[in-house]
Amino acid sequence: MEQTPDFAKPPIVEFVLGAQFAPLENFTTGHFGLFWERLGREEWPIAGEEPPLDPQFELFDAPRWRTARNLQFKLQPGFQPGRFTLQNADRDRMIQLQDTRLLLNWRKRTSGDSVKYPSYKVLIDEFEKQFAFLEDFVAEHQLGELQLNQWEITYVDSFPQGELWQSPADWQRILPGLFGTLSTTTQTELSLEHRAAEWSYEIKPKKGRLHVNAQVGFLTESQQPSLLLNITARGPVNGNGIRALREGLDFGHLVSVREFLAMVNPDIKALWNQQ
């Protein structure tokens, strides 16, 4: 796999690895308790439950701008188990499990130079172990066939207000690969107060999509506004099992990092101390 650069101080604040699969027909709420017990309650002491995530598929039959994004048809049983979450004691890692998904989140919980992104290599190895554990668990409890259909990887980067920008009009200085120069009429004096945008790119030829979203948000531990850049790569799994899943995630990682670095001002990248 092509190597991507490492930085001592990258702006990343959240990272997600995900596998989507066909519904496990025999999965129930009770199986989550068994899963948690087997995975280790001491290592993952904080449990929760959220509504299940809808299936996501990158289809190429029609342009995305012609698709009614809010129109969805779902055939599913009357009761569907929720999405169960497990967090470690430091709350910087979270496992999410439902009958069609397994996800691993890393989150930057505190600010400061001492908090470091563990790296893709560390987190993909952790995710592989958790997926292998799920494979064994599904087989042991005869929950159905684990048929992979989609890989997904997400990066969230934060650029706090005051350090690199004062108003949304400054965003093109940070991400010139996304934002062009804004212009206003000469008849009035305008000051940009809010800005949000999103883009979707086909990973050619029909290997998946790269979704990019930029908007102002607030980090959990701070009320300071930040420019939050969310990059998600998603595509079909070509085969089954961990090897096919890893191939898709490695590809999504490469595309996401390569395109992100192409968006950023070189002077900004220099602040991250490439290793």
Protein backbone atom coordinates (compact mmCIF):
# COMPACT_ATOMS: atom_id res chain seq x y z
CA MET A 1 0.00 0.00 0.00
CA GLU A 2 1.20 3.50 -0.80
CA GLN A 3 2.57 5.21 2.30
CA THR A 4 0.96 8.36 3.68
CA PRO A 5 2.88 10.95 5.72
CA ASP A 6 2.79 10.99 9.52
CA PHE A 7 2.42 14.24 11.49
CA ALA A 8 3.25 14.93 15.12
CA LYS A 9 0.35 17.39 15.54
CA PRO A 10 -2.38 16.56 13.01
CA PRO A 11 -5.74 18.38 13.36
CA ILE A 12 -7.74 15.15 13.59
CA VAL A 13 -10.23 14.92 16.48
CA GLU A 14 -12.22 11.82 15.50
CA PHE A 15 -11.65 8.74 13.37
CA VAL A 16 -14.09 5.94 12.51
CA LEU A 17 -13.60 2.53 10.88
CA GLY A 18 -16.69 0.62 9.84
CA ALA A 19 -17.94 -2.62 8.32
CA GLN A 20 -21.50 -3.04 7.05
CA PHE A 21 -23.02 -6.45 6.40
CA ALA A 22 -26.32 -8.12 5.58
CA PRO A 23 -28.69 -8.30 8.58
CA LEU A 24 -27.84 -11.04 11.07
CA GLU A 25 -31.18 -12.83 11.15
CA ASN A 26 -30.85 -14.28 14.64
CA PHE A 27 -29.23 -11.32 16.41
CA THR A 28 -31.19 -10.10 19.45
CA THR A 29 -30.71 -7.64 22.28
CA GLY A 30 -29.69 -10.51 24.53
CA HIS A 31 -26.72 -11.32 22.30
CA PHE A 32 -25.24 -7.92 22.98
CA GLY A 33 -24.91 -8.76 26.66
CA LEU A 34 -23.09 -11.96 25.73
CA PHE A 35 -20.89 -10.02 23.29
CA TRP A 36 -20.01 -7.48 25.97
CA GLU A 37 -19.23 -10.20 28.49
CA ARG A 38 -16.96 -12.05 26.10
CA LEU A 39 -15.23 -8.89 24.85
CA GLY A 40 -14.43 -7.82 28.41
CA ARG A 41 -16.41 -5.53 30.71
CA GLU A 42 -13.26 -4.35 32.46
CA GLU A 43 -11.75 -3.08 29.22
CA TRP A 44 -15.09 -1.67 27.98
CA PRO A 45 -16.92 -0.57 31.16
CA ILE A 46 -19.29 2.05 29.66
CA ALA A 47 -22.29 0.69 27.76
CA GLY A 48 -25.09 2.50 25.95
CA GLU A 49 -27.75 2.15 23.29
CA GLU A 50 -28.65 4.36 20.30
CA PRO A 51 -31.12 4.05 17.40
CA PRO A 52 -29.82 1.80 14.62
CA LEU A 53 -28.04 3.38 11.66
CA ASP A 54 -29.72 3.11 8.27
CA PRO A 55 -27.93 1.07 5.58
CA GLN A 56 -25.59 3.07 3.34
CA PHE A 57 -24.76 2.00 -0.21
CA GLU A 58 -22.83 3.89 -2.86
CA LEU A 59 -24.84 3.32 -6.04
CA PHE A 60 -23.94 4.63 -9.49
CA ASP A 61 -27.13 4.08 -11.50
CA ALA A 62 -27.95 7.82 -11.47
CA PRO A 63 -26.10 11.02 -10.55
CA ARG A 64 -26.33 11.77 -6.84
CA TRP A 65 -27.73 15.22 -7.52
CA ARG A 66 -30.76 13.56 -9.15
CA THR A 67 -31.39 11.23 -6.20
CA ALA A 68 -34.01 12.14 -3.59
CA ARG A 69 -31.76 11.83 -0.56
CA ASN A 70 -34.60 11.72 1.96
CA LEU A 71 -36.63 9.13 0.07
CA GLN A 72 -35.85 5.65 1.40
CA PHE A 73 -37.61 2.31 1.19
CA LYS A 74 -36.82 -0.25 3.88
CA LEU A 75 -38.09 -3.78 4.26
CA GLN A 76 -37.37 -5.00 7.77
CA PRO A 77 -39.06 -6.91 10.58
CA GLY A 78 -41.35 -5.14 13.05
CA PHE A 79 -38.66 -5.13 15.72
CA GLN A 80 -35.02 -4.31 15.00
CA PRO A 81 -32.32 -4.42 17.72
CA GLY A 82 -30.75 -1.06 18.46
CA ARG A 83 -27.19 0.09 18.06
CA PHE A 84 -25.18 -0.82 21.12
CA THR A 85 -22.11 1.14 22.19
CA LEU A 86 -19.16 0.27 24.41
CA GLN A 87 -16.54 2.77 25.58
CA ASN A 88 -13.27 2.29 27.37
CA ALA A 89 -12.59 4.04 30.69
CA ASP A 90 -10.74 6.91 28.99
CA ARG A 91 -13.67 7.40 26.59
CA ASP A 92 -11.31 7.80 23.65
CA ARG A 93 -12.45 4.57 21.98
CA MET A 94 -15.95 3.33 21.27
CA ILE A 95 -17.24 0.14 19.67
CA GLN A 96 -20.64 0.32 17.97
CA LEU A 97 -22.54 -2.87 17.14
CA GLN A 98 -25.89 -3.51 15.51
CA ASP A 99 -27.26 -6.35 13.37
CA THR A 100 -25.79 -4.75 10.22
CA ARG A 101 -22.76 -2.77 11.47
CA LEU A 102 -19.52 -2.88 13.43
CA LEU A 103 -17.68 0.40 14.00
CA LEU A 104 -14.67 1.56 15.96
CA ASN A 105 -14.37 5.24 16.95
CA TRP A 106 -11.32 7.05 18.24
CA ARG A 107 -11.99 10.48 19.76
CA LYS A 108 -9.65 13.15 21.01
CA ARG A 109 -11.05 13.73 24.49
CA THR A 110 -8.80 16.55 25.75
CA SER A 111 -6.82 19.37 24.18
CA GLY A 112 -3.07 19.84 24.27
CA ASP A 113 0.03 18.60 22.51
CA SER A 114 0.27 15.53 24.75
CA VAL A 115 -2.86 14.01 23.17
CA LYS A 116 -1.85 12.21 20.00
CA TYR A 117 -3.79 10.49 17.24
CA PRO A 118 -2.73 6.81 17.58
CA SER A 119 -2.28 6.45 13.77
CA TYR A 120 -4.20 4.47 11.18
CA LYS A 121 -1.91 1.47 11.65
CA VAL A 122 -2.73 1.15 15.34
CA LEU A 123 -6.49 1.59 14.91
CA ILE A 124 -6.89 -0.68 11.88
CA ASP A 125 -5.10 -3.44 13.79
CA GLU A 126 -7.51 -2.95 16.71
CA PHE A 127 -10.49 -3.02 14.35
CA GLU A 128 -9.28 -6.21 12.66
CA LYS A 129 -9.14 -7.95 16.04
CA GLN A 130 -12.65 -6.79 16.92
CA PHE A 131 -14.02 -7.91 13.57
CA ALA A 132 -12.36 -11.32 13.95
CA PHE A 133 -13.92 -11.54 17.42
CA LEU A 134 -17.34 -10.74 15.91
CA GLU A 135 -16.88 -13.41 13.23
CA ASP A 136 -16.22 -16.03 15.90
CA PHE A 137 -19.12 -14.78 18.02
CA VAL A 138 -21.57 -14.92 15.09
CA ALA A 139 -20.49 -18.45 14.22
CA GLU A 140 -20.58 -19.68 17.82
CA HIS A 141 -24.12 -18.40 18.43
CA GLN A 142 -25.39 -19.24 14.93
CA LEU A 143 -26.59 -15.70 14.29
CA GLY A 144 -26.47 -16.01 10.51
CA GLU A 145 -23.92 -15.55 7.77
CA LEU A 146 -21.68 -12.50 8.09
CA GLN A 147 -21.94 -11.18 4.52
CA LEU A 148 -19.96 -7.97 4.09
CA ASN A 149 -21.28 -5.38 1.66
CA GLN A 150 -19.66 -2.03 2.51
CA TRP A 151 -16.51 -0.56 4.07
CA GLU A 152 -16.42 2.93 5.56
CA ILE A 153 -13.77 5.25 6.98
CA THR A 154 -14.27 8.76 8.41
CA TYR A 155 -11.89 11.52 9.49
CA VAL A 156 -12.99 14.64 11.39
CA ASP A 157 -10.45 17.49 11.51
CA SER A 158 -10.82 20.62 13.60
CA PHE A 159 -9.48 24.13 12.92
CA PRO A 160 -10.40 26.31 15.95
CA GLN A 161 -11.47 29.89 15.43
CA GLY A 162 -8.84 32.42 16.45
CA GLU A 163 -5.81 30.31 15.58
CA LEU A 164 -6.13 30.21 11.80
CA TRP A 165 -9.35 32.06 11.00
CA GLN A 166 -11.63 34.77 12.34
CA SER A 167 -14.64 34.52 10.03
CA PRO A 168 -15.82 31.92 7.47
CA ALA A 169 -14.44 34.23 4.77
CA ASP A 170 -10.96 33.09 5.91
CA TRP A 171 -11.56 29.40 5.24
CA GLN A 172 -10.04 29.53 1.76
CA ARG A 173 -6.70 30.33 3.42
CA ILE A 174 -6.84 26.98 5.20
CA LEU A 175 -8.48 24.84 2.51
CA PRO A 176 -7.80 26.46 -0.86
CA GLY A 177 -8.49 23.12 -2.52
CA LEU A 178 -12.13 23.40 -1.48
CA PHE A 179 -12.99 27.08 -1.14
CA GLY A 180 -12.43 29.68 -3.80
CA THR A 181 -12.09 33.41 -3.25
CA LEU A 182 -15.34 35.02 -2.18
CA SER A 183 -16.55 38.14 -3.91
CA THR A 184 -19.22 40.68 -2.97
CA THR A 185 -20.93 43.43 -4.86
CA THR A 186 -19.45 46.89 -4.79
CA GLN A 187 -22.88 48.39 -4.04
CA THR A 188 -23.08 47.17 -0.44
CA GLU A 189 -20.75 46.32 2.38
CA LEU A 190 -21.15 42.64 3.30
CA SER A 191 -19.51 40.57 6.01
CA LEU A 192 -19.83 36.80 5.77
CA GLU A 193 -21.28 35.40 9.01
CA HIS A 194 -22.00 31.75 8.20
CA ARG A 195 -20.85 29.17 5.71
CA ALA A 196 -21.39 25.42 5.18
CA ALA A 197 -20.77 23.23 2.20
CA GLU A 198 -20.55 19.62 1.11
CA TRP A 199 -19.09 17.75 -1.82
CA SER A 200 -19.31 14.16 -3.11
CA TYR A 201 -16.73 12.61 -5.43
CA GLU A 202 -16.81 9.33 -7.29
CA ILE A 203 -13.70 7.24 -6.66
CA LYS A 204 -13.23 6.12 -10.25
CA PRO A 205 -14.11 3.79 -11.74
CA LYS A 206 -17.10 3.22 -9.43
CA LYS A 207 -14.92 2.03 -6.54
CA GLY A 208 -16.82 4.13 -4.01
CA ARG A 209 -17.32 7.75 -3.03
CA LEU A 210 -15.54 10.40 -1.03
CA HIS A 211 -17.90 12.70 0.89
CA VAL A 212 -16.62 16.01 2.27
CA ASN A 213 -18.51 18.31 4.60
CA ALA A 214 -17.28 21.60 6.09
CA GLN A 215 -19.13 23.67 8.67
CA VAL A 216 -18.79 25.43 12.00
CA GLY A 217 -19.20 23.23 15.05
CA PHE A 218 -18.27 22.95 18.70
CA LEU A 219 -16.07 20.30 20.25
CA THR A 220 -17.39 18.51 23.33
CA GLU A 221 -14.85 19.87 25.79
CA SER A 222 -14.91 23.44 24.51
CA GLN A 223 -17.41 26.07 23.46
CA GLN A 224 -14.89 27.53 21.04
CA PRO A 225 -16.19 27.44 17.46
CA SER A 226 -14.19 25.32 15.02
CA LEU A 227 -14.18 24.70 11.32
CA LEU A 228 -14.97 20.98 11.29
CA LEU A 229 -13.99 19.10 8.16
CA ASN A 230 -15.63 15.68 7.86
CA ILE A 231 -14.24 13.33 5.21
CA THR A 232 -15.93 9.95 4.68
CA ALA A 233 -14.88 7.34 2.13
CA ARG A 234 -17.24 4.45 1.50
CA GLY A 235 -17.40 1.62 -1.00
CA PRO A 236 -18.38 -2.00 -1.66
CA VAL A 237 -16.41 -4.89 -0.21
CA ASN A 238 -15.06 -7.07 -3.00
CA GLY A 239 -15.37 -10.44 -1.33
CA ASN A 240 -15.89 -11.58 2.23
CA GLY A 241 -13.84 -11.89 5.37
CA ILE A 242 -11.27 -9.67 7.01
CA ARG A 243 -8.85 -9.66 4.08
CA ALA A 244 -11.42 -8.18 1.69
CA LEU A 245 -12.55 -5.69 4.34
CA ARG A 246 -8.98 -4.60 5.06
CA GLU A 247 -8.33 -4.06 1.36
CA GLY A 248 -11.29 -1.68 1.13
CA LEU A 249 -10.38 0.22 4.31
CA ASP A 250 -6.73 0.58 3.27
CA PHE A 251 -7.90 1.98 -0.06
CA GLY A 252 -10.31 4.39 1.66
CA HIS A 253 -7.56 5.55 4.01
CA LEU A 254 -5.21 6.24 1.12
CA VAL A 255 -7.79 8.19 -0.88
CA SER A 256 -9.00 10.18 2.15
CA VAL A 257 -5.54 11.25 3.31
CA ARG A 258 -4.27 12.00 -0.17
CA GLU A 259 -7.24 14.20 -1.03
CA PHE A 260 -7.24 15.92 2.37
CA LEU A 261 -3.60 16.92 1.97
CA ALA A 262 -4.37 18.26 -1.50
CA MET A 263 -7.04 20.54 0.00
CA VAL A 264 -4.85 22.11 2.68
CA ASN A 265 -2.60 25.16 2.38
CA PRO A 266 1.06 23.96 2.51
CA ASP A 267 1.82 26.59 5.16
CA ILE A 268 -0.85 25.03 7.39
CA LYS A 269 0.56 21.53 6.89
CA ALA A 270 3.97 22.78 7.99
CA LEU A 271 2.50 23.52 11.43
CA TRP A 272 1.74 19.82 11.97
CA ASN A 273 5.43 18.79 12.08
CA GLN A 274 5.68 15.99 9.52
CA GLN A 275 7.70 13.07 10.87
